[in-house]
């Protein structure tokens, strides 16, 4: 029989109970199972399926809480804590797992936050300590699901798994579509593992996708109109800006072109929210 190792899921026999723990065996080695790591009642002589991990001293321990992600398997793991060491994730067991700092982006503002999800597998180091290993591009090429042309111009939810200066690579959260978003198609770079809504702008021959994090044209008009309306509300409902304002005035005050400003004003007027009179725009 092969030697028991951290990270394995094995079936062991209950040998005896010792106070607040149980002793399990494979016939050669004895492994402790703390009562706190026990999910259901067990009896001496019973066979129990457990997950093995190394404690702080490097000794093997068992838990009946089998992780949702194991060695050689990949899945989404929720970030539960971020420290200078890296990001700790929940793998569905009693043990949290660290994704080390060197595996995260060089810029710390792009590190995942609590609640984000990382796509990873489980690994052990020489001491048997568990850690999370982010998926590689090579592995993504093996796992991603080819997309159909009908996804073009659709919005899907996805999370970045790889960040590069040229853009971000994402995986769909509901289906493992591989999506590339060029940095020209985003207002700001997303965090690693952050859930975003990406619009599909191209379906490639290999089934991978190109996406955009920018809003559609009509959505952008809505955003501009909202910005103008919020400004109006903040200054008492009336402003000395309108169709006759110069492009320079518009750019300085609203950081948008005069064309975008006029379209946004048109949207607000059609919605019955504002009117223009004598060079002024005011809320109705």
Protein backbone atom coordinates (compact mmCIF):
# COMPACT_ATOMS: atom_id res chain seq x y z
CA UNK A 1 0.00 0.00 0.00
CA UNK A 2 1.29 3.47 -0.90
CA UNK A 3 2.24 5.90 1.85
CA UNK A 4 -0.49 8.24 3.04
CA UNK A 5 0.10 11.87 2.06
CA UNK A 6 -1.40 15.29 2.61
CA UNK A 7 -3.97 16.25 -0.01
CA UNK A 8 -5.29 12.72 -0.53
CA UNK A 9 -8.85 11.46 -0.17
CA UNK A 10 -8.71 7.94 1.29
CA UNK A 11 -10.89 5.40 3.03
CA UNK A 12 -9.61 4.45 6.49
CA UNK A 13 -10.86 2.18 9.25
CA UNK A 14 -11.86 3.57 12.65
CA UNK A 15 -9.43 2.00 15.12
CA UNK A 16 -10.42 3.58 18.45
CA UNK A 17 -11.66 6.70 20.21
CA UNK A 18 -9.21 8.68 22.35
CA UNK A 19 -10.89 11.52 24.24
CA UNK A 20 -11.80 14.27 21.78
CA UNK A 21 -10.38 12.47 18.75
CA UNK A 22 -10.63 9.23 16.82
CA UNK A 23 -7.75 7.16 15.51
CA UNK A 24 -8.02 5.89 11.94
CA UNK A 25 -5.78 3.41 10.17
CA UNK A 26 -5.01 1.97 6.76
CA UNK A 27 -3.43 -1.08 8.41
CA UNK A 28 0.00 0.52 8.50
CA UNK A 29 -0.30 4.12 9.70
CA UNK A 30 -2.50 5.73 12.34
CA UNK A 31 -4.12 9.08 11.59
CA UNK A 32 -5.99 11.22 14.15
CA UNK A 33 -9.42 12.64 13.38
CA UNK A 34 -10.50 15.44 15.72
CA UNK A 35 -14.14 15.41 16.74
CA UNK A 36 -14.41 18.97 15.38
CA UNK A 37 -13.51 17.57 11.94
CA UNK A 38 -16.24 14.94 12.12
CA UNK A 39 -19.51 15.57 10.25
CA UNK A 40 -21.43 12.45 11.30
CA UNK A 41 -21.25 9.82 14.04
CA UNK A 42 -18.78 6.95 13.50
CA UNK A 43 -18.07 3.66 15.23
CA UNK A 44 -15.00 1.49 15.81
CA UNK A 45 -14.47 -0.84 12.84
CA UNK A 46 -16.32 1.41 10.42
CA UNK A 47 -14.67 2.55 7.17
CA UNK A 48 -14.64 6.32 6.74
CA UNK A 49 -13.83 8.45 3.71
CA UNK A 50 -11.55 11.32 4.78
CA UNK A 51 -9.34 14.07 3.44
CA UNK A 52 -5.77 14.21 4.74
CA UNK A 53 -3.89 17.40 5.57
CA UNK A 54 -0.74 18.37 7.49
CA UNK A 55 -1.10 20.28 10.76
CA UNK A 56 1.25 23.08 11.85
CA UNK A 57 3.83 20.51 12.96
CA UNK A 58 3.68 18.68 9.65
CA UNK A 59 1.78 15.69 11.10
CA UNK A 60 -1.05 14.14 9.10
CA UNK A 61 -4.61 14.81 10.25
CA UNK A 62 -7.94 13.68 8.81
CA UNK A 63 -11.26 15.42 8.22
CA UNK A 64 -14.52 14.06 6.86
CA UNK A 65 -15.16 17.44 5.15
CA UNK A 66 -14.00 16.53 1.63
CA UNK A 67 -12.91 19.62 -0.36
CA UNK A 68 -14.82 20.63 -3.48
CA UNK A 69 -11.42 21.08 -5.20
CA UNK A 70 -8.74 18.39 -5.11
CA UNK A 71 -5.31 17.86 -6.62
CA UNK A 72 -5.59 17.66 -10.40
CA UNK A 73 -9.10 19.14 -10.35
CA UNK A 74 -10.00 22.78 -10.99
CA UNK A 75 -12.81 24.95 -9.73
CA UNK A 76 -13.84 28.32 -8.31
CA UNK A 77 -12.74 28.97 -4.72
CA UNK A 78 -14.14 31.92 -2.76
CA UNK A 79 -11.64 34.34 -1.22
CA UNK A 80 -12.23 34.57 2.54
CA UNK A 81 -9.18 36.55 3.69
CA UNK A 82 -6.37 38.60 2.14
CA UNK A 83 -3.06 39.27 3.90
CA UNK A 84 0.47 40.19 2.86
CA UNK A 85 1.06 36.45 2.38
CA UNK A 86 -1.60 36.25 -0.31
CA UNK A 87 -5.26 35.25 -0.59
CA UNK A 88 -6.85 32.55 1.55
CA UNK A 89 -9.68 30.65 -0.12
CA UNK A 90 -12.47 28.31 0.91
CA UNK A 91 -12.23 24.90 -0.78
CA UNK A 92 -15.26 23.44 1.00
CA UNK A 93 -13.28 21.76 3.77
CA UNK A 94 -12.33 22.61 7.34
CA UNK A 95 -8.98 23.88 6.05
CA UNK A 96 -8.54 27.23 4.32
CA UNK A 97 -5.92 27.30 1.58
CA UNK A 98 -3.43 30.01 0.66
CA UNK A 99 -2.81 31.31 -2.85
CA UNK A 100 0.68 32.68 -2.35
CA UNK A 101 1.64 36.31 -2.90
CA UNK A 102 4.03 35.41 -5.73
CA UNK A 103 1.15 33.90 -7.69
CA UNK A 104 -0.92 37.10 -7.48
CA UNK A 105 -0.59 40.21 -9.71
CA UNK A 106 2.43 42.47 -9.10
CA UNK A 107 0.09 45.40 -8.43
CA UNK A 108 -1.65 44.85 -5.11
CA UNK A 109 -4.73 46.86 -6.15
CA UNK A 110 -5.41 44.05 -8.64
CA UNK A 111 -5.32 41.36 -5.94
CA UNK A 112 -8.65 39.67 -5.25
CA UNK A 113 -10.84 40.93 -2.43
CA UNK A 114 -12.97 38.96 0.03
CA UNK A 115 -15.90 37.51 -1.92
CA UNK A 116 -14.03 37.24 -5.22
CA UNK A 117 -13.42 33.76 -6.68
CA UNK A 118 -10.18 32.26 -8.02
CA UNK A 119 -10.06 29.37 -10.47
CA UNK A 120 -7.49 26.96 -9.09
CA UNK A 121 -6.43 23.47 -8.13
CA UNK A 122 -5.01 22.07 -4.90
CA UNK A 123 -1.30 21.42 -4.42
CA UNK A 124 1.00 20.40 -1.56
CA UNK A 125 4.57 21.50 -0.92
CA UNK A 126 7.43 19.33 0.38
CA UNK A 127 6.19 19.73 3.95
CA UNK A 128 2.69 18.60 3.03
CA UNK A 129 1.21 22.08 3.46
CA UNK A 130 -1.78 22.71 1.20
CA UNK A 131 -1.93 25.71 -1.12
CA UNK A 132 -3.95 26.85 -4.11
CA UNK A 133 -2.38 26.98 -7.55
CA UNK A 134 -4.04 29.27 -10.09
CA UNK A 135 -4.97 27.74 -13.41
CA UNK A 136 -2.39 28.11 -16.18
CA UNK A 137 -3.07 29.18 -19.75
CA UNK A 138 -2.07 25.71 -20.92
CA UNK A 139 -4.70 24.14 -18.66
CA UNK A 140 -7.35 26.65 -19.74
CA UNK A 141 -6.76 25.60 -23.34
CA UNK A 142 -7.59 22.03 -22.31
CA UNK A 143 -10.67 22.89 -20.26
CA UNK A 144 -12.46 25.81 -21.91
CA UNK A 145 -15.75 25.20 -23.65
CA UNK A 146 -16.14 26.27 -27.27
CA UNK A 147 -18.71 29.02 -27.73
CA UNK A 148 -21.43 29.32 -30.36
CA UNK A 149 -21.92 32.28 -32.67
CA UNK A 150 -25.24 33.05 -30.97
CA UNK A 151 -23.29 34.43 -27.99
CA UNK A 152 -22.25 37.43 -30.09
CA UNK A 153 -23.43 40.70 -28.49
CA UNK A 154 -24.71 38.82 -25.44
CA UNK A 155 -23.73 39.72 -21.87
CA UNK A 156 -22.31 36.94 -19.71
CA UNK A 157 -20.79 36.87 -16.24
CA UNK A 158 -17.11 36.01 -15.99
CA UNK A 159 -14.07 36.39 -13.75
CA UNK A 160 -10.46 37.22 -14.71
CA UNK A 161 -7.96 34.40 -14.24
CA UNK A 162 -4.97 36.12 -15.86
CA UNK A 163 -4.06 39.81 -16.08
CA UNK A 164 -1.58 41.15 -18.66
CA UNK A 165 -0.61 44.68 -19.78
CA UNK A 166 -2.39 44.08 -23.10
CA UNK A 167 -5.65 42.99 -21.48
CA UNK A 168 -7.44 40.49 -19.24
CA UNK A 169 -8.29 36.82 -19.76
CA UNK A 170 -11.55 35.65 -18.18
CA UNK A 171 -13.53 32.46 -17.69
CA UNK A 172 -17.31 32.37 -17.74
CA UNK A 173 -18.82 31.62 -14.34
CA UNK A 174 -21.68 29.42 -15.59
CA UNK A 175 -19.83 27.79 -18.49
CA UNK A 176 -16.02 27.78 -18.89
CA UNK A 177 -15.86 30.08 -21.90
CA UNK A 178 -12.44 31.64 -22.49
CA UNK A 179 -12.77 35.39 -23.03
CA UNK A 180 -10.12 37.97 -23.85
CA UNK A 181 -10.80 41.66 -23.14
CA UNK A 182 -8.28 44.06 -24.67
CA UNK A 183 -7.35 47.02 -22.46
CA UNK A 184 -9.00 49.35 -25.01
CA UNK A 185 -12.31 47.65 -24.20
CA UNK A 186 -12.32 48.52 -20.49
CA UNK A 187 -12.50 51.69 -18.42
CA UNK A 188 -10.46 50.12 -15.61
CA UNK A 189 -8.65 46.81 -15.21
CA UNK A 190 -10.67 44.32 -13.14
CA UNK A 191 -9.24 42.53 -10.11
CA UNK A 192 -8.14 38.94 -10.37
CA UNK A 193 -11.24 36.86 -9.58
CA UNK A 194 -13.67 39.80 -9.64
CA UNK A 195 -17.05 38.96 -11.15
CA UNK A 196 -17.87 41.26 -14.07
CA UNK A 197 -20.45 41.36 -16.83
CA UNK A 198 -18.74 41.17 -20.19
CA UNK A 199 -20.31 41.83 -23.58
CA UNK A 200 -19.21 39.40 -26.29
CA UNK A 201 -17.96 41.28 -29.35
CA UNK A 202 -16.47 38.36 -31.31
CA UNK A 203 -16.71 34.56 -31.45
CA UNK A 204 -13.44 33.18 -32.82
CA UNK A 205 -12.96 30.07 -34.96
CA UNK A 206 -11.41 28.15 -32.05
CA UNK A 207 -14.48 28.78 -29.88
CA UNK A 208 -12.82 31.39 -27.68
CA UNK A 209 -14.32 34.84 -27.29
CA UNK A 210 -13.38 38.49 -27.40
CA UNK A 211 -15.28 40.71 -25.00
CA UNK A 212 -15.79 44.26 -23.87
CA UNK A 213 -16.35 45.77 -20.43
CA UNK A 214 -17.54 49.03 -21.97
CA UNK A 215 -21.28 49.78 -22.13
CA UNK A 216 -23.15 49.74 -25.43
CA UNK A 217 -23.68 53.04 -27.24
CA UNK A 218 -27.20 53.59 -25.91
CA UNK A 219 -26.04 52.62 -22.43
CA UNK A 220 -23.24 55.17 -22.67
CA UNK A 221 -25.74 57.84 -23.60
CA UNK A 222 -27.70 56.87 -20.54
CA UNK A 223 -24.59 57.17 -18.41
CA UNK A 224 -23.86 60.67 -19.76
CA UNK A 225 -27.45 61.75 -19.21
CA UNK A 226 -27.33 60.47 -15.66
CA UNK A 227 -24.12 62.39 -14.98
CA UNK A 228 -25.66 65.62 -16.26
CA UNK A 229 -28.86 65.10 -14.28
CA UNK A 230 -26.88 64.40 -11.10
CA UNK A 231 -24.92 67.62 -11.66
CA UNK A 232 -28.17 69.56 -12.10
CA UNK A 233 -29.48 68.16 -8.84
CA UNK A 234 -26.27 69.12 -7.04
CA UNK A 235 -26.46 72.78 -8.16
CA UNK A 236 -30.10 73.45 -7.35
CA UNK A 237 -31.73 72.24 -10.57
CA UNK A 238 -30.45 74.86 -13.02
CA UNK A 239 -27.20 75.30 -14.96
CA UNK A 240 -25.88 77.77 -17.57
CA UNK A 241 -25.04 75.00 -20.04
CA UNK A 242 -27.01 73.88 -23.08
CA UNK A 243 -26.88 73.33 -26.83
CA UNK A 244 -25.19 76.71 -27.34
CA UNK A 245 -22.34 76.04 -24.92
CA UNK A 246 -18.88 75.72 -26.45
CA UNK A 247 -17.11 72.34 -26.77
CA UNK A 248 -14.41 73.65 -24.43
CA UNK A 249 -16.95 74.53 -21.72
CA UNK A 250 -18.59 71.11 -22.04
CA UNK A 251 -15.30 69.21 -21.89
CA UNK A 252 -14.05 71.18 -18.90
CA UNK A 253 -17.24 70.75 -16.87
CA UNK A 254 -18.50 67.29 -17.89
CA UNK A 255 -15.47 65.53 -19.44
CA UNK A 256 -17.43 64.59 -22.56
CA UNK A 257 -17.64 65.81 -26.15
CA UNK A 258 -20.26 68.37 -27.14
CA UNK A 259 -21.90 65.74 -29.36
CA UNK A 260 -22.25 63.35 -26.42
CA UNK A 261 -23.51 66.25 -24.26
CA UNK A 262 -26.21 67.19 -26.80
CA UNK A 263 -27.34 63.58 -27.18
CA UNK A 264 -27.55 63.22 -23.41
CA UNK A 265 -29.56 66.44 -23.12
CA UNK A 266 -31.86 65.14 -25.84
CA UNK A 267 -32.37 61.96 -23.84
CA UNK A 268 -33.24 63.96 -20.72
CA UNK A 269 -35.66 66.22 -22.60
CA UNK A 270 -37.40 63.28 -24.27
CA UNK A 271 -37.80 61.74 -20.83
CA UNK A 272 -39.40 64.94 -19.61
CA UNK A 273 -36.76 65.58 -16.99
CA UNK A 274 -35.27 68.89 -18.18
CA UNK A 275 -35.94 71.88 -20.43
CA UNK A 276 -33.71 74.47 -22.10
CA UNK A 277 -34.47 78.18 -22.08
CA UNK A 278 -32.35 81.28 -22.77
CA UNK A 279 -29.08 79.33 -22.66
CA UNK A 280 -29.98 77.61 -19.38
CA UNK A 281 -30.94 73.99 -18.67
CA UNK A 282 -33.18 73.28 -15.72
CA UNK A 283 -34.99 70.37 -14.13
CA UNK A 284 -38.74 70.24 -14.80
